[in-house]
Amino acid sequence: KLQDLENDPSLYGRSYKKCLGSQIQPCVGADGHVYV
């Protein structure tokens, strides 16, 4: 994370246009919701 802060302070290294990683690693909350 720090490398991205230093190398790309405006976009934080977010060069991707889709959140694809979340589609194989979701979160299940204690409230029972399945979150992104």
All heavy atoms as atom14 arrays in JSON, in Angstrom:
{
  "sequence": "KLQDLENDPSLYGRSYKKCLGSQIQPCVGADGHVYV",
  "atom14_mask": [
    [1, 1, 1, 1, 1, 1, 1, 1, 1, 0, 0, 0, 0, 0],
    [1, 1, 1, 1, 1, 1, 1, 1, 0, 0, 0, 0, 0, 0],
    [1, 1, 1, 1, 1, 1, 1, 1, 1, 0, 0, 0, 0, 0],
    [1, 1, 1, 1, 1, 1, 1, 1, 0, 0, 0, 0, 0, 0],
    [1, 1, 1, 1, 1, 1, 1, 1, 0, 0, 0, 0, 0, 0],
    [1, 1, 1, 1, 1, 1, 1, 1, 1, 0, 0, 0, 0, 0],
    [1, 1, 1, 1, 1, 1, 1, 1, 0, 0, 0, 0, 0, 0],
    [1, 1, 1, 1, 1, 1, 1, 1, 0, 0, 0, 0, 0, 0],
    [1, 1, 1, 1, 1, 1, 1, 0, 0, 0, 0, 0, 0, 0],
    [1, 1, 1, 1, 1, 1, 0, 0, 0, 0, 0, 0, 0, 0],
    [1, 1, 1, 1, 1, 1, 1, 1, 0, 0, 0, 0, 0, 0],
    [1, 1, 1, 1, 1, 1, 1, 1, 1, 1, 1, 1, 0, 0],
    [1, 1, 1, 1, 0, 0, 0, 0, 0, 0, 0, 0, 0, 0],
    [1, 1, 1, 1, 1, 1, 1, 1, 1, 1, 1, 0, 0, 0],
    [1, 1, 1, 1, 1, 1, 0, 0, 0, 0, 0, 0, 0, 0],
    [1, 1, 1, 1, 1, 1, 1, 1, 1, 1, 1, 1, 0, 0],
    [1, 1, 1, 1, 1, 1, 1, 1, 1, 0, 0, 0, 0, 0],
    [1, 1, 1, 1, 1, 1, 1, 1, 1, 0, 0, 0, 0, 0],
    [1, 1, 1, 1, 1, 1, 0, 0, 0, 0, 0, 0, 0, 0],
    [1, 1, 1, 1, 1, 1, 1, 1, 0, 0, 0, 0, 0, 0],
    [1, 1, 1, 1, 0, 0, 0, 0, 0, 0, 0, 0, 0, 0],
    [1, 1, 1, 1, 1, 1, 0, 0, 0, 0, 0, 0, 0, 0],
    [1, 1, 1, 1, 1, 1, 1, 1, 1, 0, 0, 0, 0, 0],
    [1, 1, 1, 1, 1, 1, 1, 1, 0, 0, 0, 0, 0, 0],
    [1, 1, 1, 1, 1, 1, 1, 1, 1, 0, 0, 0, 0, 0],
    [1, 1, 1, 1, 1, 1, 1, 0, 0, 0, 0, 0, 0, 0],
    [1, 1, 1, 1, 1, 1, 0, 0, 0, 0, 0, 0, 0, 0],
    [1, 1, 1, 1, 1, 1, 1, 0, 0, 0, 0, 0, 0, 0],
    [1, 1, 1, 1, 0, 0, 0, 0, 0, 0, 0, 0, 0, 0],
    [1, 1, 1, 1, 1, 0, 0, 0, 0, 0, 0, 0, 0, 0],
    [1, 1, 1, 1, 1, 1, 1, 1, 0, 0, 0, 0, 0, 0],
    [1, 1, 1, 1, 0, 0, 0, 0, 0, 0, 0, 0, 0, 0],
    [1, 1, 1, 1, 1, 1, 1, 1, 1, 1, 0, 0, 0, 0],
    [1, 1, 1, 1, 1, 1, 1, 0, 0, 0, 0, 0, 0, 0],
    [1, 1, 1, 1, 1, 1, 1, 1, 1, 1, 1, 1, 0, 0],
    [1, 1, 1, 1, 1, 1, 1, 0, 0, 0, 0, 0, 0, 0]
  ],
  "atom14_positions": [
    [[0.82, -1.2, 0.0], [0.0, 0.0, 0.0], [0.85, 1.25, 0.0], [0.54, 2.24, -0.68], [-0.93, -0.02, 1.22], [-1.96, -1.12, 1.17], [-2.89, -1.09, 2.37], [-3.97, -2.16, 2.25], [-4.9, -2.12, 3.39], [0.0, 0.0, 0.0], [0.0, 0.0, 0.0], [0.0, 0.0, 0.0], [0.0, 0.0, 0.0], [0.0, 0.0, 0.0]],
    [[1.93, 1.23, 0.75], [2.77, 2.41, 0.81], [3.45, 2.68, -0.53], [3.63, 3.82, -0.94], [3.82, 2.26, 1.91], [4.41, 3.58, 2.38], [3.42, 4.31, 3.27], [5.71, 3.39, 3.09], [0.0, 0.0, 0.0], [0.0, 0.0, 0.0], [0.0, 0.0, 0.0], [0.0, 0.0, 0.0], [0.0, 0.0, 0.0], [0.0, 0.0, 0.0]],
    [[3.83, 1.61, -1.21], [4.44, 1.77, -2.53], [3.48, 2.47, -3.48], [3.88, 3.34, -4.26], [4.84, 0.4, -3.08], [5.98, -0.27, -2.32], [6.14, -1.72, -2.7], [5.58, -2.2, -3.68], [6.9, -2.46, -1.89], [0.0, 0.0, 0.0], [0.0, 0.0, 0.0], [0.0, 0.0, 0.0], [0.0, 0.0, 0.0], [0.0, 0.0, 0.0]],
    [[2.21, 2.1, -3.43], [1.23, 2.74, -4.31], [1.0, 4.2, -3.93], [0.77, 5.05, -4.78], [-0.1, 1.98, -4.28], [-0.07, 0.75, -5.16], [0.72, 0.74, -6.13], [-0.81, -0.2, -4.9], [0.0, 0.0, 0.0], [0.0, 0.0, 0.0], [0.0, 0.0, 0.0], [0.0, 0.0, 0.0], [0.0, 0.0, 0.0], [0.0, 0.0, 0.0]],
    [[1.05, 4.5, -2.63], [0.92, 5.89, -2.21], [2.05, 6.73, -2.79], [1.85, 7.84, -3.27], [0.96, 5.98, -0.68], [-0.32, 5.68, 0.09], [-0.06, 5.84, 1.58], [-1.46, 6.58, -0.33], [0.0, 0.0, 0.0], [0.0, 0.0, 0.0], [0.0, 0.0, 0.0], [0.0, 0.0, 0.0], [0.0, 0.0, 0.0], [0.0, 0.0, 0.0]],
    [[3.25, 6.17, -2.72], [4.43, 6.94, -3.14], [4.52, 7.05, -4.66], [4.86, 8.11, -5.19], [5.69, 6.28, -2.59], [6.94, 7.12, -2.74], [8.04, 6.7, -1.8], [7.96, 5.61, -1.22], [9.0, 7.49, -1.64], [0.0, 0.0, 0.0], [0.0, 0.0, 0.0], [0.0, 0.0, 0.0], [0.0, 0.0, 0.0], [0.0, 0.0, 0.0]],
    [[4.19, 5.97, -5.35], [4.35, 5.95, -6.8], [3.18, 6.6, -7.55], [3.33, 7.05, -8.68], [4.51, 4.51, -7.29], [5.76, 3.85, -6.75], [6.73, 4.53, -6.43], [5.75, 2.53, -6.63], [0.0, 0.0, 0.0], [0.0, 0.0, 0.0], [0.0, 0.0, 0.0], [0.0, 0.0, 0.0], [0.0, 0.0, 0.0], [0.0, 0.0, 0.0]],
    [[2.02, 6.64, -6.92], [0.83, 7.14, -7.61], [-0.08, 7.86, -6.61], [-1.15, 7.37, -6.26], [0.08, 5.97, -8.26], [-1.05, 6.42, -9.17], [-1.2, 7.65, -9.38], [-1.79, 5.56, -9.67], [0.0, 0.0, 0.0], [0.0, 0.0, 0.0], [0.0, 0.0, 0.0], [0.0, 0.0, 0.0], [0.0, 0.0, 0.0], [0.0, 0.0, 0.0]],
    [[0.32, 9.04, -6.12], [-0.43, 9.71, -5.06], [-1.82, 10.2, -5.46], [-2.63, 10.5, -4.6], [0.46, 10.9, -4.69], [1.32, 11.13, -5.89], [1.54, 9.78, -6.5], [0.0, 0.0, 0.0], [0.0, 0.0, 0.0], [0.0, 0.0, 0.0], [0.0, 0.0, 0.0], [0.0, 0.0, 0.0], [0.0, 0.0, 0.0], [0.0, 0.0, 0.0]],
    [[-2.11, 10.26, -6.75], [-3.43, 10.74, -7.16], [-4.44, 9.61, -7.29], [-5.6, 9.74, -6.89], [-3.34, 11.49, -8.49], [-2.82, 10.66, -9.51], [0.0, 0.0, 0.0], [0.0, 0.0, 0.0], [0.0, 0.0, 0.0], [0.0, 0.0, 0.0], [0.0, 0.0, 0.0], [0.0, 0.0, 0.0], [0.0, 0.0, 0.0], [0.0, 0.0, 0.0]],
    [[-4.01, 8.45, -7.83], [-4.92, 7.32, -8.03], [-4.64, 6.16, -7.08], [-5.33, 5.16, -7.1], [-4.83, 6.82, -9.48], [-5.35, 7.77, -10.56], [-5.12, 7.17, -11.94], [-6.83, 8.07, -10.35], [0.0, 0.0, 0.0], [0.0, 0.0, 0.0], [0.0, 0.0, 0.0], [0.0, 0.0, 0.0], [0.0, 0.0, 0.0], [0.0, 0.0, 0.0]],
    [[-3.6, 6.27, -6.26], [-3.24, 5.22, -5.3], [-2.98, 3.87, -5.99], [-3.26, 2.81, -5.45], [-4.34, 5.02, -4.26], [-4.76, 6.27, -3.53], [-5.76, 7.09, -4.03], [-4.15, 6.65, -2.33], [-6.15, 8.24, -3.36], [-4.53, 7.79, -1.66], [-5.54, 8.57, -2.17], [-5.93, 9.71, -1.5], [0.0, 0.0, 0.0], [0.0, 0.0, 0.0]],
    [[-2.46, 3.93, -7.22], [-2.17, 2.69, -7.93], [-3.39, 2.0, -8.5], [-3.3, 0.87, -8.97], [0.0, 0.0, 0.0], [0.0, 0.0, 0.0], [0.0, 0.0, 0.0], [0.0, 0.0, 0.0], [0.0, 0.0, 0.0], [0.0, 0.0, 0.0], [0.0, 0.0, 0.0], [0.0, 0.0, 0.0], [0.0, 0.0, 0.0], [0.0, 0.0, 0.0]],
    [[-4.54, 2.66, -8.47], [-5.77, 2.03, -8.96], [-5.88, 2.23, -10.46], [-6.65, 3.05, -10.96], [-6.98, 2.61, -8.23], [-8.27, 1.89, -8.52], [-9.39, 2.36, -7.6], [-9.45, 1.57, -6.38], [-9.96, 1.99, -5.23], [-10.43, 3.21, -5.12], [-9.98, 1.2, -4.18], [0.0, 0.0, 0.0], [0.0, 0.0, 0.0], [0.0, 0.0, 0.0]],
    [[-5.12, 1.46, -11.2], [-5.12, 1.55, -12.66], [-6.2, 0.67, -13.27], [-6.52, 0.81, -14.45], [-3.75, 1.13, -13.2], [-3.43, -0.18, -12.75], [0.0, 0.0, 0.0], [0.0, 0.0, 0.0], [0.0, 0.0, 0.0], [0.0, 0.0, 0.0], [0.0, 0.0, 0.0], [0.0, 0.0, 0.0], [0.0, 0.0, 0.0], [0.0, 0.0, 0.0]],
    [[-6.77, -0.22, -12.49], [-7.8, -1.13, -13.0], [-9.16, -0.4, -13.06], [-9.39, 0.57, -12.34], [-7.9, -2.37, -12.11], [-7.93, -2.07, -10.63], [-9.11, -1.78, -9.96], [-6.76, -2.1, -9.88], [-9.14, -1.5, -8.6], [-6.76, -1.82, -8.52], [-7.95, -1.53, -7.88], [-7.96, -1.25, -6.54], [0.0, 0.0, 0.0], [0.0, 0.0, 0.0]],
    [[-10.03, -0.9, -13.91], [-11.35, -0.29, -14.12], [-12.5, -1.14, -13.59], [-13.65, -0.73, -13.62], [-11.58, -0.03, -15.62], [-10.48, 0.76, -16.29], [-10.32, 2.15, -15.68], [-9.22, 2.93, -16.41], [-8.94, 4.23, -15.74], [0.0, 0.0, 0.0], [0.0, 0.0, 0.0], [0.0, 0.0, 0.0], [0.0, 0.0, 0.0], [0.0, 0.0, 0.0]],
    [[-12.18, -2.33, -13.11], [-13.18, -3.22, -12.56], [-12.66, -3.86, -11.27], [-11.47, -4.16, -11.17], [-13.54, -4.35, -13.56], [-14.29, -3.91, -14.8], [-14.53, -5.1, -15.72], [-15.34, -4.72, -16.94], [-16.74, -4.42, -16.6], [0.0, 0.0, 0.0], [0.0, 0.0, 0.0], [0.0, 0.0, 0.0], [0.0, 0.0, 0.0], [0.0, 0.0, 0.0]],
    [[-13.56, -4.05, -10.32], [-13.2, -4.74, -9.08], [-13.42, -6.23, -9.29], [-14.43, -6.8, -8.87], [-14.04, -4.22, -7.91], [-13.58, -4.98, -6.33], [0.0, 0.0, 0.0], [0.0, 0.0, 0.0], [0.0, 0.0, 0.0], [0.0, 0.0, 0.0], [0.0, 0.0, 0.0], [0.0, 0.0, 0.0], [0.0, 0.0, 0.0], [0.0, 0.0, 0.0]],
    [[-12.47, -6.86, -9.95], [-12.6, -8.27, -10.3], [-12.18, -9.19, -9.17], [-12.67, -10.31, -9.04], [-11.77, -8.56, -11.56], [-12.22, -7.82, -12.83], [-11.15, -7.9, -13.9], [-13.53, -8.4, -13.34], [0.0, 0.0, 0.0], [0.0, 0.0, 0.0], [0.0, 0.0, 0.0], [0.0, 0.0, 0.0], [0.0, 0.0, 0.0], [0.0, 0.0, 0.0]],
    [[-11.25, -8.72, -8.34], [-10.76, -9.55, -7.24], [-11.85, -9.93, -6.25], [-11.84, -11.03, -5.69], [0.0, 0.0, 0.0], [0.0, 0.0, 0.0], [0.0, 0.0, 0.0], [0.0, 0.0, 0.0], [0.0, 0.0, 0.0], [0.0, 0.0, 0.0], [0.0, 0.0, 0.0], [0.0, 0.0, 0.0], [0.0, 0.0, 0.0], [0.0, 0.0, 0.0]],
    [[-12.79, -9.02, -6.06], [-13.86, -9.28, -5.09], [-14.75, -10.44, -5.51], [-15.45, -11.02, -4.68], [-14.72, -8.02, -4.9], [-15.39, -7.69, -6.11], [0.0, 0.0, 0.0], [0.0, 0.0, 0.0], [0.0, 0.0, 0.0], [0.0, 0.0, 0.0], [0.0, 0.0, 0.0], [0.0, 0.0, 0.0], [0.0, 0.0, 0.0], [0.0, 0.0, 0.0]],
    [[-14.72, -10.79, -6.81], [-15.61, -11.84, -7.31], [-15.11, -13.24, -7.01], [-15.8, -14.23, -7.31], [-15.84, -11.66, -8.8], [-16.57, -10.36, -9.13], [-17.86, -10.22, -8.33], [-18.83, -10.92, -8.58], [-17.87, -9.33, -7.34], [0.0, 0.0, 0.0], [0.0, 0.0, 0.0], [0.0, 0.0, 0.0], [0.0, 0.0, 0.0], [0.0, 0.0, 0.0]],
    [[-13.94, -13.34, -6.4], [-13.48, -14.65, -5.92], [-13.11, -14.59, -4.44], [-12.61, -15.56, -3.89], [-12.29, -15.19, -6.74], [-11.13, -14.19, -6.8], [-12.73, -15.57, -8.15], [-9.88, -14.74, -7.47], [0.0, 0.0, 0.0], [0.0, 0.0, 0.0], [0.0, 0.0, 0.0], [0.0, 0.0, 0.0], [0.0, 0.0, 0.0], [0.0, 0.0, 0.0]],
    [[-13.4, -13.44, -3.77], [-13.1, -13.33, -2.34], [-14.11, -12.4, -1.64], [-13.75, -11.32, -1.18], [-11.67, -12.85, -2.11], [-11.26, -11.62, -2.9], [-9.88, -11.14, -2.53], [-9.41, -11.29, -1.41], [-9.2, -10.53, -3.48], [0.0, 0.0, 0.0], [0.0, 0.0, 0.0], [0.0, 0.0, 0.0], [0.0, 0.0, 0.0], [0.0, 0.0, 0.0]],
    [[-15.37, -12.79, -1.56], [-16.39, -11.95, -0.93], [-16.3, -11.97, 0.6], [-15.45, -12.68, 1.17], [-17.69, -12.58, -1.4], [-17.35, -14.04, -1.52], [-15.93, -14.07, -2.02], [0.0, 0.0, 0.0], [0.0, 0.0, 0.0], [0.0, 0.0, 0.0], [0.0, 0.0, 0.0], [0.0, 0.0, 0.0], [0.0, 0.0, 0.0], [0.0, 0.0, 0.0]],
    [[-17.19, -11.23, 1.23], [-17.25, -11.15, 2.69], [-18.66, -11.48, 3.15], [-19.64, -11.01, 2.56], [-16.85, -9.74, 3.14], [-17.18, -9.39, 4.89], [0.0, 0.0, 0.0], [0.0, 0.0, 0.0], [0.0, 0.0, 0.0], [0.0, 0.0, 0.0], [0.0, 0.0, 0.0], [0.0, 0.0, 0.0], [0.0, 0.0, 0.0], [0.0, 0.0, 0.0]],
    [[-18.77, -12.26, 4.21], [-20.06, -12.52, 4.83], [-20.06, -11.86, 6.2], [-19.23, -12.18, 7.06], [-20.33, -14.03, 4.99], [-21.67, -14.25, 5.68], [-20.32, -14.72, 3.63], [0.0, 0.0, 0.0], [0.0, 0.0, 0.0], [0.0, 0.0, 0.0], [0.0, 0.0, 0.0], [0.0, 0.0, 0.0], [0.0, 0.0, 0.0], [0.0, 0.0, 0.0]],
    [[-20.96, -10.91, 6.4], [-21.02, -10.19, 7.65], [-21.77, -10.95, 8.72], [-22.58, -11.84, 8.44], [0.0, 0.0, 0.0], [0.0, 0.0, 0.0], [0.0, 0.0, 0.0], [0.0, 0.0, 0.0], [0.0, 0.0, 0.0], [0.0, 0.0, 0.0], [0.0, 0.0, 0.0], [0.0, 0.0, 0.0], [0.0, 0.0, 0.0], [0.0, 0.0, 0.0]],
    [[-21.53, -10.58, 9.98], [-22.25, -11.2, 11.09], [-23.74, -10.9, 11.02], [-24.55, -11.61, 11.63], [-21.67, -10.72, 12.42], [0.0, 0.0, 0.0], [0.0, 0.0, 0.0], [0.0, 0.0, 0.0], [0.0, 0.0, 0.0], [0.0, 0.0, 0.0], [0.0, 0.0, 0.0], [0.0, 0.0, 0.0], [0.0, 0.0, 0.0], [0.0, 0.0, 0.0]],
    [[-24.11, -9.85, 10.28], [-25.52, -9.52, 10.1], [-26.2, -10.4, 9.07], [-27.38, -10.25, 8.79], [-25.68, -8.05, 9.72], [-24.9, -7.66, 8.47], [-24.33, -8.57, 7.83], [-24.84, -6.46, 8.15], [0.0, 0.0, 0.0], [0.0, 0.0, 0.0], [0.0, 0.0, 0.0], [0.0, 0.0, 0.0], [0.0, 0.0, 0.0], [0.0, 0.0, 0.0]],
    [[-25.44, -11.33, 8.48], [-26.01, -12.27, 7.52], [-25.94, -11.83, 6.08], [-26.29, -12.6, 5.17], [0.0, 0.0, 0.0], [0.0, 0.0, 0.0], [0.0, 0.0, 0.0], [0.0, 0.0, 0.0], [0.0, 0.0, 0.0], [0.0, 0.0, 0.0], [0.0, 0.0, 0.0], [0.0, 0.0, 0.0], [0.0, 0.0, 0.0], [0.0, 0.0, 0.0]],
    [[-25.47, -10.62, 5.83], [-25.37, -10.14, 4.45], [-24.08, -10.64, 3.79], [-23.03, -10.73, 4.44], [-25.41, -8.61, 4.41], [-26.79, -8.05, 4.54], [-27.59, -7.77, 3.46], [-27.51, -7.72, 5.63], [-28.75, -7.3, 3.88], [-28.73, -7.26, 5.19], [0.0, 0.0, 0.0], [0.0, 0.0, 0.0], [0.0, 0.0, 0.0], [0.0, 0.0, 0.0]],
    [[-24.19, -10.94, 2.51], [-23.02, -11.3, 1.7], [-22.59, -10.04, 0.97], [-23.28, -9.56, 0.07], [-23.35, -12.43, 0.71], [-22.1, -12.78, -0.12], [-23.86, -13.66, 1.45], [0.0, 0.0, 0.0], [0.0, 0.0, 0.0], [0.0, 0.0, 0.0], [0.0, 0.0, 0.0], [0.0, 0.0, 0.0], [0.0, 0.0, 0.0], [0.0, 0.0, 0.0]],
    [[-21.46, -9.49, 1.37], [-20.98, -8.22, 0.84], [-19.91, -8.41, -0.23], [-19.24, -9.44, -0.28], [-20.39, -7.36, 1.97], [-21.4, -6.89, 2.99], [-21.4, -7.42, 4.28], [-22.35, -5.93, 2.66], [-22.32, -6.99, 5.22], [-23.28, -5.5, 3.61], [-23.26, -6.03, 4.89], [-24.17, -5.61, 5.82], [0.0, 0.0, 0.0], [0.0, 0.0, 0.0]],
    [[-19.78, -7.37, -1.04], [-18.73, -7.36, -2.06], [-17.38, -7.63, -1.43], [-16.59, -8.44, -1.91], [-18.7, -6.0, -2.79], [-17.5, -5.92, -3.72], [-19.99, -5.78, -3.56], [0.0, 0.0, 0.0], [0.0, 0.0, 0.0], [0.0, 0.0, 0.0], [0.0, 0.0, 0.0], [0.0, 0.0, 0.0], [0.0, 0.0, 0.0], [0.0, 0.0, 0.0]]
  ]
}
